[in-house]
Amino acid sequence: MYQRLRDLREDMDINQTQLAKMLGMSQTGYSKYETGENDIPTAILIKLARIYHTSVDYILGITDETKPYPAKR
């Protein structure tokens, strides 16, 4: 999961400081998510999925499908 976070970020060509700002947190705090030092809160997982246009399941390594699930009506 942690490598996926880094890969997604790098694929967007942004650094940890830029992403942390998007999430409203410090670079150090975000860095601890990528290294696995801290668990990622659900609210942050949802924000990351929206930023990366993917699903929480993909970020967590539950699926290899990068596309998010379609919205239910």
N, C-alpha and C. Protein backbone atom coordinates (compact mmCIF):
# COMPACT_ATOMS: atom_id res chain seq x y z
N MET A 1 0.82 -1.18 0.00
CA MET A 1 0.00 0.00 0.00
C MET A 1 0.87 1.26 0.00
N TYR A 2 1.93 1.26 0.77
CA TYR A 2 2.73 2.48 0.91
C TYR A 2 3.47 2.81 -0.37
N GLN A 3 3.93 1.79 -1.07
CA GLN A 3 4.58 2.03 -2.37
C GLN A 3 3.58 2.59 -3.37
N ARG A 4 2.34 2.12 -3.28
CA ARG A 4 1.30 2.63 -4.17
C ARG A 4 1.08 4.12 -3.96
N LEU A 5 1.08 4.53 -2.71
CA LEU A 5 0.92 5.95 -2.41
C LEU A 5 2.01 6.77 -3.08
N ARG A 6 3.22 6.31 -2.95
CA ARG A 6 4.35 7.02 -3.55
C ARG A 6 4.25 7.00 -5.08
N ASP A 7 3.92 5.85 -5.64
CA ASP A 7 3.81 5.74 -7.10
C ASP A 7 2.72 6.67 -7.64
N LEU A 8 1.58 6.71 -6.98
CA LEU A 8 0.49 7.59 -7.42
C LEU A 8 0.93 9.05 -7.38
N ARG A 9 1.59 9.42 -6.31
CA ARG A 9 2.06 10.80 -6.16
C ARG A 9 3.07 11.14 -7.26
N GLU A 10 4.02 10.26 -7.47
CA GLU A 10 5.06 10.51 -8.47
C GLU A 10 4.47 10.52 -9.89
N ASP A 11 3.45 9.70 -10.13
CA ASP A 11 2.79 9.70 -11.44
C ASP A 11 2.14 11.05 -11.73
N MET A 12 1.75 11.77 -10.69
CA MET A 12 1.15 13.11 -10.86
C MET A 12 2.23 14.19 -10.90
N ASP A 13 3.48 13.79 -10.75
CA ASP A 13 4.61 14.73 -10.75
C ASP A 13 4.46 15.81 -9.68
N ILE A 14 4.08 15.36 -8.47
CA ILE A 14 4.02 16.28 -7.34
C ILE A 14 4.88 15.73 -6.21
N ASN A 15 5.37 16.62 -5.37
CA ASN A 15 6.19 16.18 -4.24
C ASN A 15 5.33 16.07 -2.99
N GLN A 16 5.92 15.56 -1.93
CA GLN A 16 5.17 15.36 -0.69
C GLN A 16 4.65 16.68 -0.13
N THR A 17 5.41 17.73 -0.26
CA THR A 17 4.98 19.03 0.26
C THR A 17 3.74 19.53 -0.47
N GLN A 18 3.72 19.38 -1.77
CA GLN A 18 2.56 19.80 -2.56
C GLN A 18 1.32 18.98 -2.19
N LEU A 19 1.50 17.67 -2.07
CA LEU A 19 0.36 16.82 -1.73
C LEU A 19 -0.13 17.11 -0.31
N ALA A 20 0.80 17.27 0.61
CA ALA A 20 0.42 17.57 1.99
C ALA A 20 -0.41 18.85 2.05
N LYS A 21 -0.04 19.84 1.25
CA LYS A 21 -0.80 21.09 1.21
C LYS A 21 -2.22 20.83 0.70
N MET A 22 -2.34 19.99 -0.32
CA MET A 22 -3.67 19.64 -0.86
C MET A 22 -4.52 18.96 0.21
N LEU A 23 -3.87 18.22 1.10
CA LEU A 23 -4.58 17.49 2.16
C LEU A 23 -4.76 18.33 3.42
N GLY A 24 -4.13 19.50 3.46
CA GLY A 24 -4.24 20.36 4.64
C GLY A 24 -3.44 19.86 5.82
N MET A 25 -2.25 19.34 5.53
CA MET A 25 -1.41 18.80 6.60
C MET A 25 0.05 19.12 6.31
N SER A 26 0.92 18.72 7.23
CA SER A 26 2.36 18.96 7.05
C SER A 26 2.98 17.89 6.16
N GLN A 27 4.11 18.24 5.56
CA GLN A 27 4.85 17.27 4.75
C GLN A 27 5.30 16.11 5.61
N THR A 28 5.75 16.40 6.82
CA THR A 28 6.22 15.34 7.73
C THR A 28 5.09 14.36 8.05
N GLY A 29 3.91 14.91 8.31
CA GLY A 29 2.76 14.04 8.60
C GLY A 29 2.42 13.15 7.43
N TYR A 30 2.44 13.72 6.22
CA TYR A 30 2.14 12.91 5.04
C TYR A 30 3.22 11.86 4.81
N SER A 31 4.47 12.25 4.99
CA SER A 31 5.58 11.34 4.78
C SER A 31 5.41 10.06 5.61
N LYS A 32 4.88 10.21 6.80
CA LYS A 32 4.69 9.05 7.68
C LYS A 32 3.64 8.08 7.13
N TYR A 33 2.73 8.57 6.28
CA TYR A 33 1.79 7.67 5.61
C TYR A 33 2.51 6.85 4.55
N GLU A 34 3.37 7.50 3.78
CA GLU A 34 4.09 6.79 2.71
C GLU A 34 5.07 5.76 3.26
N THR A 35 5.62 6.00 4.43
CA THR A 35 6.57 5.05 5.00
C THR A 35 5.88 3.97 5.84
N GLY A 36 4.60 4.15 6.12
CA GLY A 36 3.88 3.20 6.94
C GLY A 36 4.05 3.43 8.43
N GLU A 37 4.70 4.53 8.79
CA GLU A 37 4.91 4.83 10.20
C GLU A 37 3.58 5.15 10.89
N ASN A 38 2.66 5.81 10.17
CA ASN A 38 1.33 6.13 10.70
C ASN A 38 0.26 5.52 9.81
N ASP A 39 -0.82 5.06 10.42
CA ASP A 39 -1.98 4.61 9.66
C ASP A 39 -2.66 5.82 9.03
N ILE A 40 -3.27 5.60 7.90
CA ILE A 40 -3.94 6.68 7.19
C ILE A 40 -5.41 6.73 7.63
N PRO A 41 -5.85 7.87 8.15
CA PRO A 41 -7.25 8.00 8.54
C PRO A 41 -8.18 7.87 7.33
N THR A 42 -9.37 7.39 7.56
CA THR A 42 -10.34 7.19 6.48
C THR A 42 -10.58 8.46 5.69
N ALA A 43 -10.71 9.59 6.35
CA ALA A 43 -10.97 10.85 5.64
C ALA A 43 -9.83 11.19 4.68
N ILE A 44 -8.60 10.90 5.07
CA ILE A 44 -7.45 11.16 4.20
C ILE A 44 -7.44 10.17 3.03
N LEU A 45 -7.78 8.91 3.29
CA LEU A 45 -7.87 7.93 2.20
C LEU A 45 -8.86 8.38 1.14
N ILE A 46 -10.00 8.88 1.58
CA ILE A 46 -11.02 9.35 0.65
C ILE A 46 -10.50 10.53 -0.16
N LYS A 47 -9.83 11.48 0.50
CA LYS A 47 -9.26 12.63 -0.20
C LYS A 47 -8.22 12.17 -1.22
N LEU A 48 -7.37 11.23 -0.83
CA LEU A 48 -6.35 10.73 -1.75
C LEU A 48 -6.99 10.06 -2.97
N ALA A 49 -8.03 9.27 -2.74
CA ALA A 49 -8.71 8.60 -3.86
C ALA A 49 -9.29 9.64 -4.82
N ARG A 50 -9.83 10.71 -4.28
CA ARG A 50 -10.39 11.76 -5.14
C ARG A 50 -9.28 12.50 -5.90
N ILE A 51 -8.19 12.81 -5.22
CA ILE A 51 -7.07 13.49 -5.87
C ILE A 51 -6.52 12.65 -7.01
N TYR A 52 -6.36 11.35 -6.77
CA TYR A 52 -5.77 10.45 -7.75
C TYR A 52 -6.77 9.85 -8.72
N HIS A 53 -8.06 10.16 -8.55
CA HIS A 53 -9.11 9.62 -9.42
C HIS A 53 -9.07 8.09 -9.44
N THR A 54 -9.01 7.52 -8.26
CA THR A 54 -8.99 6.07 -8.12
C THR A 54 -9.86 5.69 -6.93
N SER A 55 -9.85 4.44 -6.55
CA SER A 55 -10.66 3.99 -5.42
C SER A 55 -9.79 3.80 -4.18
N VAL A 56 -10.43 3.85 -3.04
CA VAL A 56 -9.75 3.55 -1.78
C VAL A 56 -9.24 2.11 -1.82
N ASP A 57 -10.01 1.22 -2.42
CA ASP A 57 -9.59 -0.17 -2.54
C ASP A 57 -8.26 -0.30 -3.28
N TYR A 58 -8.07 0.51 -4.33
CA TYR A 58 -6.81 0.47 -5.06
C TYR A 58 -5.67 0.95 -4.16
N ILE A 59 -5.88 2.05 -3.47
CA ILE A 59 -4.84 2.58 -2.59
C ILE A 59 -4.47 1.56 -1.53
N LEU A 60 -5.45 0.87 -0.99
CA LEU A 60 -5.21 -0.12 0.07
C LEU A 60 -4.66 -1.44 -0.44
N GLY A 61 -4.63 -1.62 -1.76
CA GLY A 61 -4.10 -2.86 -2.32
C GLY A 61 -5.11 -3.98 -2.38
N ILE A 62 -6.39 -3.67 -2.22
CA ILE A 62 -7.45 -4.68 -2.27
C ILE A 62 -7.72 -5.09 -3.71
N THR A 63 -7.54 -4.15 -4.62
CA THR A 63 -7.74 -4.42 -6.04
C THR A 63 -6.59 -3.80 -6.84
N ASP A 64 -6.38 -4.31 -8.03
CA ASP A 64 -5.40 -3.72 -8.92
C ASP A 64 -6.07 -2.84 -9.97
N GLU A 65 -7.40 -2.73 -9.90
CA GLU A 65 -8.16 -1.88 -10.81
C GLU A 65 -8.03 -0.44 -10.36
N THR A 66 -7.45 0.39 -11.22
CA THR A 66 -7.18 1.78 -10.83
C THR A 66 -8.40 2.69 -10.95
N LYS A 67 -9.36 2.31 -11.77
CA LYS A 67 -10.53 3.17 -11.95
C LYS A 67 -11.45 3.07 -10.74
N PRO A 68 -12.02 4.21 -10.33
CA PRO A 68 -12.95 4.18 -9.20
C PRO A 68 -14.25 3.50 -9.59
N TYR A 69 -14.97 3.07 -8.60
CA TYR A 69 -16.28 2.48 -8.84
C TYR A 69 -17.23 3.56 -9.35
N PRO A 70 -18.15 3.20 -10.25
CA PRO A 70 -19.10 4.22 -10.71
C PRO A 70 -20.01 4.66 -9.56
N ALA A 71 -20.38 5.94 -9.60
CA ALA A 71 -21.26 6.47 -8.56
C ALA A 71 -22.65 5.81 -8.69
N LYS A 72 -23.23 5.48 -7.57
CA LYS A 72 -24.58 4.89 -7.58
C LYS A 72 -25.60 6.01 -7.59
N ARG A 73 -26.66 5.78 -8.29
CA ARG A 73 -27.72 6.80 -8.39
C ARG A 73 -28.89 6.43 -7.55
